[in-house]
Every structure is written in C-alpha cells, then in structure tokens.
N, C-alpha and C. Protein backbone atom coordinates (compact mmCIF):
# COMPACT_ATOMS: atom_id res chain seq x y z
N UNK A 1 120.50 79.04 178.84
CA UNK A 1 120.54 79.04 180.39
C UNK A 1 121.07 77.95 180.85
N UNK A 2 121.99 78.05 181.90
CA UNK A 2 122.64 76.78 182.44
C UNK A 2 121.68 76.12 183.19
N UNK A 3 121.79 74.79 183.30
CA UNK A 3 120.95 73.83 184.11
C UNK A 3 121.03 74.16 185.54
N UNK A 4 120.06 73.98 186.25
CA UNK A 4 119.90 74.41 187.72
C UNK A 4 120.90 73.64 188.51
N UNK A 5 121.43 72.45 188.06
CA UNK A 5 122.55 71.64 188.80
C UNK A 5 123.81 72.41 188.82
N UNK A 6 124.07 73.05 187.63
CA UNK A 6 125.41 73.86 187.56
C UNK A 6 125.36 75.00 188.42
N UNK A 7 124.10 75.73 188.38
CA UNK A 7 124.07 76.88 189.32
C UNK A 7 124.25 76.55 190.72
N UNK A 8 123.54 75.44 191.19
CA UNK A 8 123.72 75.07 192.58
C UNK A 8 125.20 74.68 192.94
N UNK A 9 125.85 73.92 192.08
CA UNK A 9 127.22 73.57 192.14
C UNK A 9 128.10 74.89 192.31
N UNK A 10 127.94 75.83 191.44
CA UNK A 10 128.63 77.03 191.60
C UNK A 10 128.37 77.90 192.80
N UNK A 11 127.18 77.86 193.30
CA UNK A 11 126.85 78.49 194.56
C UNK A 11 127.50 77.88 195.79
N UNK A 12 127.51 76.52 195.79
CA UNK A 12 128.00 75.62 196.76
C UNK A 12 129.61 76.01 196.94
N UNK A 13 130.29 75.87 195.58
CA UNK A 13 131.70 75.98 195.48
C UNK A 13 132.13 77.45 195.92
N UNK A 14 131.27 78.47 195.59
CA UNK A 14 131.56 79.79 195.94
C UNK A 14 131.46 80.03 197.59
N UNK A 15 130.62 79.31 198.01
CA UNK A 15 130.31 79.40 199.67
C UNK A 15 131.50 78.88 200.15
N UNK A 16 132.02 77.75 199.70
CA UNK A 16 133.13 76.95 200.37
C UNK A 16 134.40 77.82 200.21
N UNK A 17 134.68 78.28 199.10
CA UNK A 17 135.77 79.09 198.71
C UNK A 17 135.79 80.43 199.57
N UNK A 18 134.60 81.00 199.61
CA UNK A 18 134.36 82.16 200.44
C UNK A 18 134.72 82.04 201.99
N UNK A 19 134.41 80.90 202.41
CA UNK A 19 134.57 80.62 203.82
C UNK A 19 136.09 80.46 204.02
N UNK A 20 136.72 79.75 203.13
CA UNK A 20 138.19 79.49 203.19
C UNK A 20 138.89 80.92 203.23
N UNK A 21 138.37 81.68 202.28
CA UNK A 21 139.21 83.00 202.15
C UNK A 21 138.92 83.68 203.36
N UNK A 22 137.74 83.93 203.87
CA UNK A 22 137.53 84.74 205.14
C UNK A 22 138.18 84.06 206.35
N UNK A 23 138.33 82.81 206.30
CA UNK A 23 139.06 82.24 207.46
C UNK A 23 140.51 82.59 207.54
N UNK A 24 141.11 82.80 206.28
CA UNK A 24 142.52 83.27 206.26
C UNK A 24 142.57 84.85 206.24
N UNK A 25 141.43 85.49 206.45
CA UNK A 25 141.34 86.98 206.58
C UNK A 25 141.88 87.74 205.23
N UNK A 26 141.51 87.12 204.19
CA UNK A 26 141.83 87.67 202.83
C UNK A 26 140.62 88.34 202.27
N UNK A 27 140.76 89.57 201.89
CA UNK A 27 139.60 90.26 201.14
C UNK A 27 140.06 90.26 199.67
N UNK A 28 138.90 90.42 198.83
CA UNK A 28 139.29 90.42 197.43
C UNK A 28 140.18 91.54 196.89
N UNK A 29 139.96 92.74 197.64
CA UNK A 29 140.68 93.92 197.26
C UNK A 29 142.20 93.66 197.72
N UNK A 30 142.30 93.06 198.82
CA UNK A 30 143.68 92.77 199.45
C UNK A 30 144.32 91.75 198.54
N UNK A 31 143.71 90.73 198.10
CA UNK A 31 144.21 89.74 197.12
C UNK A 31 144.70 90.38 195.95
N UNK A 32 143.85 91.08 195.15
CA UNK A 32 144.44 91.89 193.92
C UNK A 32 145.45 92.78 194.19
N UNK A 33 145.52 93.57 195.39
CA UNK A 33 146.52 94.47 195.70
C UNK A 33 147.85 93.55 195.78
N UNK A 34 147.80 92.56 196.50
CA UNK A 34 148.95 91.68 196.74
C UNK A 34 149.45 91.11 195.36
N UNK A 35 148.52 90.81 194.48
CA UNK A 35 148.91 90.11 193.22
C UNK A 35 149.67 91.25 192.43
N UNK A 36 149.11 92.43 192.43
CA UNK A 36 149.78 93.65 191.59
C UNK A 36 151.20 93.83 192.25
N UNK A 37 151.18 94.02 193.58
CA UNK A 37 152.59 94.29 194.22
C UNK A 37 153.57 93.09 193.81
N UNK A 38 153.15 91.80 193.84
CA UNK A 38 154.04 90.82 193.58
C UNK A 38 154.52 90.82 192.15
N UNK A 39 153.57 91.28 191.28
CA UNK A 39 153.94 91.34 189.83
C UNK A 39 154.91 92.55 189.56
N UNK A 40 154.70 93.74 190.22
CA UNK A 40 155.64 94.78 190.30
C UNK A 40 157.03 94.48 190.82
N UNK A 41 157.00 93.62 191.83
CA UNK A 41 158.25 93.45 192.47
C UNK A 41 158.96 92.50 191.45
N UNK A 42 158.24 91.59 190.86
CA UNK A 42 158.98 90.54 189.90
C UNK A 42 159.58 91.28 188.75
N UNK A 43 158.79 92.35 188.23
CA UNK A 43 159.37 93.12 187.10
C UNK A 43 160.67 93.90 187.53
N UNK A 44 160.48 94.54 188.78
CA UNK A 44 161.62 95.44 189.19
C UNK A 44 162.91 94.37 189.33
N UNK A 45 162.58 93.27 189.83
CA UNK A 45 163.86 92.34 189.98
C UNK A 45 164.46 91.85 188.74
N UNK A 46 163.44 91.66 187.83
CA UNK A 46 163.96 91.31 186.48
C UNK A 46 164.76 92.34 185.81
N UNK A 47 164.31 93.70 185.90
CA UNK A 47 164.92 94.73 185.44
C UNK A 47 166.29 95.04 185.97
N UNK A 48 166.31 94.78 187.33
CA UNK A 48 167.80 94.86 188.06
C UNK A 48 168.60 93.68 187.62
N UNK A 49 168.17 92.63 187.43
CA UNK A 49 168.97 91.55 186.93
C UNK A 49 169.46 91.80 185.53
N UNK A 50 168.60 92.40 184.67
CA UNK A 50 169.12 92.63 183.29
C UNK A 50 170.13 93.79 183.21
N UNK A 51 169.87 94.74 184.19
CA UNK A 51 170.93 95.85 184.19
C UNK A 51 172.26 95.38 184.73
N UNK A 52 172.17 94.45 185.77
CA UNK A 52 173.34 93.75 186.21
C UNK A 52 174.20 93.10 185.15
N UNK A 53 173.30 92.25 184.52
CA UNK A 53 173.94 91.26 183.50
C UNK A 53 174.37 92.00 182.27
N UNK A 54 173.76 93.03 181.90
CA UNK A 54 174.26 93.83 180.76
C UNK A 54 175.66 94.34 180.85
N UNK A 55 175.96 94.72 182.05
CA UNK A 55 177.49 95.25 182.20
C UNK A 55 178.40 94.32 181.95
N UNK A 56 178.20 93.05 182.48
CA UNK A 56 179.08 91.95 182.19
C UNK A 56 179.13 91.37 180.74
N UNK A 57 177.92 91.45 180.16
CA UNK A 57 177.76 91.07 178.79
C UNK A 57 178.52 91.93 177.86
N UNK A 58 178.34 93.26 178.06
CA UNK A 58 179.03 94.26 177.12
C UNK A 58 180.51 94.16 177.37
N UNK A 59 181.02 94.06 178.65
CA UNK A 59 182.42 94.09 178.97
C UNK A 59 182.95 92.80 178.37
N UNK A 60 182.33 91.59 178.37
CA UNK A 60 182.92 90.53 177.86
C UNK A 60 182.90 90.52 176.32
N UNK A 61 182.00 91.24 175.76
CA UNK A 61 181.83 91.36 174.22
C UNK A 61 182.97 92.10 173.67
N UNK A 62 183.48 92.98 174.61
CA UNK A 62 184.79 93.76 173.99
C UNK A 62 186.00 92.75 173.70
N UNK A 63 185.94 91.61 174.38
CA UNK A 63 187.01 90.66 174.28
C UNK A 63 186.62 89.59 173.30
N UNK A 64 185.38 89.09 173.44
CA UNK A 64 184.99 87.88 172.66
C UNK A 64 184.72 88.15 171.25
N UNK A 65 184.07 89.30 171.03
CA UNK A 65 183.58 89.54 169.55
C UNK A 65 184.89 89.64 168.66
N UNK A 66 185.79 90.53 169.07
CA UNK A 66 187.08 90.76 168.33
C UNK A 66 187.75 89.33 168.14
N UNK A 67 187.83 88.53 169.19
CA UNK A 67 188.50 87.34 168.98
C UNK A 67 187.77 86.36 168.01
N UNK A 68 186.57 86.37 168.18
CA UNK A 68 185.76 85.51 167.24
C UNK A 68 185.88 86.07 165.75
N UNK A 69 185.91 87.28 165.56
CA UNK A 69 186.11 87.79 164.16
C UNK A 69 187.45 87.42 163.61
N UNK A 70 188.41 87.63 164.51
CA UNK A 70 189.78 87.17 163.97
C UNK A 70 189.94 85.72 163.61
N UNK A 71 189.30 84.81 164.64
CA UNK A 71 189.40 83.42 164.39
C UNK A 71 188.63 83.04 163.07
N UNK A 72 187.69 83.72 162.85
CA UNK A 72 186.87 83.46 161.46
C UNK A 72 187.65 83.82 160.40
N UNK A 73 188.44 85.00 160.45
CA UNK A 73 189.27 85.54 159.24
C UNK A 73 190.52 84.44 159.14
N UNK A 74 191.09 84.14 160.17
CA UNK A 74 192.25 83.22 160.08
C UNK A 74 191.91 81.83 159.66
N UNK A 75 190.73 81.36 160.05
CA UNK A 75 190.29 79.99 159.83
C UNK A 75 190.32 79.65 158.25
N UNK A 76 190.80 78.56 157.97
CA UNK A 76 190.97 78.15 156.63
C UNK A 76 189.52 77.97 155.95
N UNK A 77 189.18 78.32 154.83
CA UNK A 77 187.79 78.06 154.13
C UNK A 77 187.80 76.50 153.89
N UNK A 78 186.76 75.85 154.09
CA UNK A 78 186.51 74.45 153.75
C UNK A 78 186.52 74.38 152.20
N UNK A 79 187.17 73.25 151.88
CA UNK A 79 187.13 72.93 150.45
C UNK A 79 185.81 72.30 150.01
N UNK A 80 185.34 72.64 148.96
CA UNK A 80 184.04 72.13 148.37
C UNK A 80 184.46 71.05 147.48
N UNK A 81 183.82 69.96 147.64
CA UNK A 81 184.05 68.73 146.65
C UNK A 81 183.36 69.03 145.42
N UNK A 82 183.90 69.08 144.34
CA UNK A 82 183.32 69.18 142.89
C UNK A 82 182.88 67.83 142.45
N UNK A 83 181.70 67.64 142.28
CA UNK A 83 181.15 66.38 141.72
C UNK A 83 180.40 66.65 140.46
C-alpha cells in the first residue's frame, strides 16, 4: 500500500490538473476523440504522401535501375592482389 504522502500528492496534482483542464473546457472524452482524430489524420497524410512518392520512385526506377545494371556490367572488375 502506498504511503499516505504519495496519495495526498496524487490527489492534489489531480485537482490542479483537473482545474486546468476544465478551465480550457476540455472533457476527457473530447480529449481522447481529438487524439484519435489527429492520429487518423496523420496516418491519412502519411498514406497520401507515400502514394504520391511511389509514382515518382517507380518512374525514376525505370531509368535509374537499368543504368545502374549497365554500369555494373561495363565496370572493370577490380584486380585482387595475390599474396
């Protein structure tokens, strides 16, 4: 069982935080709904960004990957020193 001092501190801190929250007209349900909405919006924006970026990545890959493969084929192999 926690000491009585800890319980009193928690009650006092809860009172102060509750007063601040009520002052700003925030309800616990409203807080959690806002948190969920913000999270959903963040995921939607991330999904939209990834969709936007993938078009450019795939288009660029049609040029970059074949050039990379050709450059690796043409590149002279490094000589290994026999010791």
